[in-house]
Protein backbone atom coordinates (compact mmCIF):
# COMPACT_ATOMS: atom_id res chain seq x y z
CA MET A 1 71.79 9.06 25.36
CA SER A 2 70.02 6.60 27.52
CA GLY A 3 67.59 4.44 25.50
CA LYS A 4 65.46 3.66 28.08
CA PRO A 5 62.45 6.05 26.64
CA ASP A 6 62.49 4.02 23.89
CA VAL A 7 62.54 0.69 25.43
CA GLU A 8 59.21 2.28 27.80
CA ALA A 9 57.54 3.06 24.31
CA LYS A 10 57.95 -0.07 22.93
CA ARG A 11 56.53 -1.98 26.02
CA ARG A 12 53.60 0.25 26.00
CA ALA A 13 53.20 -0.30 22.46
CA THR A 14 53.25 -4.06 22.94
CA LEU A 15 50.53 -4.05 25.55
CA LEU A 16 48.39 -1.56 23.58
CA GLN A 17 48.53 -4.17 20.36
CA ALA A 18 47.73 -7.10 23.03
CA LEU A 19 44.79 -4.90 24.06
CA GLU A 20 43.76 -3.93 20.54
CA GLU A 21 43.70 -7.71 19.23
CA LEU A 22 40.93 -8.32 21.87
CA GLN A 23 38.36 -6.06 20.14
CA GLY A 24 35.16 -7.34 18.58
CA LEU A 25 35.89 -10.82 20.38
CA ASP A 26 33.13 -12.41 22.46
CA LEU A 27 34.39 -11.91 25.38
CA CYS A 28 31.91 -14.49 27.54
CA ARG A 29 32.70 -17.17 24.75
CA GLN A 30 36.46 -16.93 25.22
CA ALA A 31 36.11 -16.82 28.97
CA GLU A 32 34.33 -20.25 28.70
CA LEU A 33 36.54 -21.73 25.95
CA GLY A 34 39.57 -20.39 28.09
CA GLY A 35 38.44 -21.66 31.68
CA PHE A 36 38.33 -17.82 33.15
CA SER A 37 35.55 -15.78 34.16
CA CYS A 38 34.16 -13.06 32.57
CA LYS A 39 31.27 -10.56 34.07
CA GLU A 40 29.62 -8.16 32.22
CA LEU A 41 29.37 -4.57 33.94
CA GLU A 42 27.22 -1.71 33.33
CA ASP A 43 27.54 0.27 29.87
CA GLY A 44 28.77 -2.81 28.18
CA ALA A 45 32.13 -3.02 30.00
CA PHE A 46 33.29 -6.49 31.08
CA GLN A 47 35.34 -7.95 33.78
CA LEU A 48 37.94 -10.71 33.07
CA LEU A 49 39.59 -12.79 35.89
CA ILE A 50 42.16 -15.28 34.98
CA PRO A 51 43.95 -17.79 37.44
CA SER A 52 47.55 -17.48 37.41
CA PHE A 53 50.24 -19.25 39.61
CA ASN A 54 48.40 -19.33 42.33
CA GLY A 55 46.78 -15.61 41.79
CA GLU A 56 44.47 -14.00 39.90
CA ILE A 57 44.80 -11.54 36.76
CA GLU A 58 41.96 -8.96 36.71
CA ILE A 59 41.24 -7.13 33.04
CA TRP A 60 38.69 -4.41 32.35
CA LEU A 61 37.61 -4.26 28.78
CA PRO A 62 36.99 -2.16 27.08
CA GLU A 63 39.15 0.26 29.51
CA GLY A 64 42.23 -2.11 29.27
CA ARG A 65 42.93 -1.67 32.69
CA MET A 66 44.61 -4.58 34.71
CA SER A 67 45.70 -5.54 37.99
CA LEU A 68 48.52 -8.45 39.16
CA PRO A 69 49.22 -9.73 42.76
CA PRO A 70 52.53 -8.19 43.46
CA HIS A 71 54.09 -11.44 43.38
CA LEU A 72 53.32 -11.90 39.55
CA GLU A 73 53.80 -8.06 38.80
CA SER A 74 55.32 -8.16 35.16
CA LEU A 75 54.74 -6.48 31.69
CA SER A 76 55.14 -10.27 30.06
CA LEU A 77 52.65 -11.56 31.76
CA ARG A 78 50.35 -9.03 31.32
CA VAL A 79 50.89 -9.34 27.54
CA LEU A 80 50.48 -13.29 27.66
CA ALA A 81 47.21 -13.15 29.68
CA LEU A 82 45.84 -10.81 26.89
CA ARG A 83 47.05 -13.14 24.03
CA TYR A 84 45.76 -16.05 26.08
CA VAL A 85 42.33 -14.24 25.93
CA LYS A 86 42.49 -14.17 22.48
CA LEU A 87 43.55 -17.80 21.45
CA SER A 88 41.20 -19.42 24.14
CA CYS A 89 39.77 -22.24 22.00
CA GLY A 90 38.50 -24.88 24.15
CA VAL A 91 40.94 -27.51 23.51
CA PRO A 92 41.46 -29.85 26.53
CA GLU A 93 44.75 -30.75 28.17
CA SER A 94 46.03 -33.99 26.61
CA GLY A 95 47.91 -35.08 29.47
CA GLU A 96 51.23 -35.40 26.93
CA TRP A 97 54.33 -33.48 28.34
CA ILE A 98 56.56 -32.52 26.06
CA ALA A 99 59.78 -30.47 25.66
CA TYR A 100 60.09 -27.10 24.01
CA ARG A 101 61.86 -28.58 20.97
CA ASP A 102 58.86 -30.38 20.71
CA LEU A 103 56.30 -27.39 20.07
CA PRO A 104 55.45 -26.38 16.71
CA GLY A 105 58.99 -24.39 15.53
CA GLY A 106 60.46 -24.87 18.70
CA ARG A 107 63.28 -27.05 17.64
CA PHE A 108 65.00 -23.49 16.45
CA TYR A 109 65.40 -22.23 20.01
CA ALA A 110 64.91 -25.30 21.99
CA ALA A 111 69.13 -24.41 22.99
CA THR A 112 68.42 -21.21 24.91
CA ILE A 113 66.04 -23.11 27.29
CA SER A 114 68.72 -25.21 29.22
CA PRO A 115 71.23 -21.99 29.93
CA THR A 116 68.57 -19.70 30.54
CA ILE A 117 65.77 -21.33 32.67
CA GLU A 118 66.84 -25.34 33.49
CA ARG A 119 70.32 -24.99 34.41
CA PRO A 120 70.09 -21.93 36.79
CA LEU A 121 67.06 -23.25 38.29
CA ALA A 122 69.15 -26.75 38.51
CA ASP A 123 71.89 -25.00 40.37
CA MET A 124 69.49 -23.32 42.69
CA PHE A 125 67.42 -26.50 44.15
CA GLY A 126 69.50 -29.19 43.00
CA PHE A 127 71.01 -29.87 46.35
CA ARG A 128 68.65 -28.33 48.49
CA ARG A 129 66.44 -30.94 48.87
CA GLY A 130 62.68 -30.03 49.56
CA ALA A 131 63.42 -26.70 49.14
CA LEU A 132 61.97 -26.39 45.61
CA GLY A 133 58.43 -27.83 47.03
CA GLU A 134 58.44 -25.34 49.52
CA ILE A 135 58.42 -22.33 47.07
CA ALA A 136 56.47 -24.19 44.43
CA ALA A 137 53.48 -24.31 46.88
CA ARG A 138 53.40 -20.51 47.21
CA LEU A 139 53.07 -20.59 43.26
CA GLY A 140 50.40 -23.25 43.21
CA GLY A 141 52.42 -25.93 42.40
CA VAL A 142 50.84 -29.10 42.51
CA LYS A 143 53.37 -32.45 43.09
CA ALA A 144 54.05 -34.77 40.65
CA ASP A 145 55.34 -38.04 40.31
CA PHE A 146 58.30 -37.57 37.99
CA GLY A 147 61.98 -37.12 38.97
CA ASP A 148 62.97 -36.83 42.54
CA GLU A 149 60.79 -33.83 42.68
CA SER A 150 58.47 -32.26 40.16
CA PHE A 151 55.30 -29.81 40.23
CA VAL A 152 52.98 -28.72 37.94
CA PHE A 153 52.18 -24.90 37.97
CA ARG A 154 48.95 -23.55 36.35
CA ALA A 155 50.18 -20.59 34.84
CA PHE A 156 46.88 -20.18 32.80
CA PRO A 157 43.52 -22.39 33.42
CA ARG A 158 44.43 -24.37 30.07
CA VAL A 159 48.39 -23.68 30.13
CA PRO A 160 50.66 -26.00 32.77
CA LEU A 161 53.75 -26.17 32.94
CA LEU A 162 55.67 -29.04 34.47
CA LEU A 163 58.81 -28.64 36.46
CA VAL A 164 60.89 -32.01 37.01
CA LEU A 165 63.94 -31.64 39.14
CA HIS A 166 66.75 -34.51 39.51
CA TRP A 167 69.11 -34.14 42.65
CA GLY A 168 72.40 -33.43 42.17
CA ASP A 169 75.33 -35.86 44.05
CA GLU A 170 78.83 -36.42 44.58
CA GLU A 171 78.85 -38.19 41.28
CA PHE A 172 76.20 -36.20 39.09
CA PRO A 173 75.07 -32.61 38.80
CA PRO A 174 71.67 -31.69 39.55
CA GLU A 175 69.40 -31.65 36.27
CA CYS A 176 66.11 -30.00 35.86
CA ARG A 177 63.36 -29.97 32.77
CA VAL A 178 60.30 -27.60 32.03
CA LEU A 179 57.85 -29.67 30.15
CA PHE A 180 54.80 -28.17 28.19
CA ASP A 181 51.48 -30.11 27.41
CA ARG A 182 50.77 -30.82 24.11
CA CYS A 183 47.77 -28.45 23.99
CA SER A 184 49.73 -25.09 24.95
CA SER A 185 50.41 -24.56 21.65
CA ARG A 186 46.80 -23.71 20.76
CA TYR A 187 47.01 -21.20 23.60
CA LEU A 188 50.06 -19.34 23.25
CA ASN A 189 52.36 -19.24 20.24
CA THR A 190 55.62 -21.54 21.04
CA ASP A 191 57.73 -18.08 21.52
CA ASP A 192 54.97 -17.08 23.96
CA LEU A 193 55.72 -20.22 25.71
CA LYS A 194 59.22 -19.89 26.10
CA VAL A 195 58.32 -16.74 27.86
CA LEU A 196 55.87 -18.18 30.23
CA ALA A 197 58.37 -20.66 30.96
CA THR A 198 60.82 -17.80 31.81
CA GLN A 199 58.35 -15.97 33.59
CA LEU A 200 58.16 -19.53 35.95
CA ALA A 201 61.73 -19.93 36.53
CA ALA A 202 62.17 -15.82 37.57
CA TYR A 203 58.94 -16.03 40.08
CA LEU A 204 60.82 -19.20 41.62
CA MET A 205 64.31 -17.50 41.87
CA LYS A 206 62.32 -14.41 43.38
CA GLU A 207 60.37 -16.32 46.28
CA GLY A 208 63.58 -18.17 46.59
CA GLY A 209 65.50 -15.14 47.56
CA ARG A 210 67.54 -14.47 44.65
CA ALA A 211 65.45 -11.14 43.64
CA GLU A 212 69.00 -9.75 41.44
CA GLU A 213 68.76 -12.98 39.28
CA ALA A 214 65.06 -12.94 38.69
CA GLU A 215 65.18 -9.33 37.73
CA ASN A 216 67.78 -10.35 35.16
CA LEU A 217 65.98 -12.96 33.79
CA LEU A 218 62.79 -10.94 33.41
CA TRP A 219 64.80 -8.12 31.57
CA MET A 220 65.55 -10.84 28.94
CA VAL A 221 61.79 -11.27 28.31
CA GLU A 222 60.37 -7.90 28.83
């Protein structure tokens, strides 16, 4: 007997729980703290618009309807957007980039970041100079001054992700690192930040023509 119905039920339950956790919140205040927009509609309804990876996530509450651009569509990003709304606290970005292991409680799962995110991206872009830049631009990546190529991706308004690539050559293999602003843990928990970094890797793979690898990566977090 297939476990697919159980998986789908679990997915729906996770999304519904994230929606329920927004009940009773001052949504306009959360929008102010989180750097996104909130529009009050008729009959006490609200429309939230959250910038994400060069797109915009729309949420209608209390209806619970959500709309994502096709290039961002995933259950994980839907849930993370809702959690971002809940946890938005107004803490400004620190400008200090840290590894996943330096996030609260991150050391325990830090070893999973390299094989699932960093190594595949290094293999994909490490010998194709300039390829990462072309794809990063489609996801709103802004060039930074680290490594041989680096880009800051705005996952949510107060949650940037930094991707640093060191090219490979005849002597050394390529390397890639994903880093987080120290303030990120105030907006999402550490496990959610790992899922968010996984999302970024999947989006880059998909934009780079590796759709099957991207789907496999998303399957791991969804």
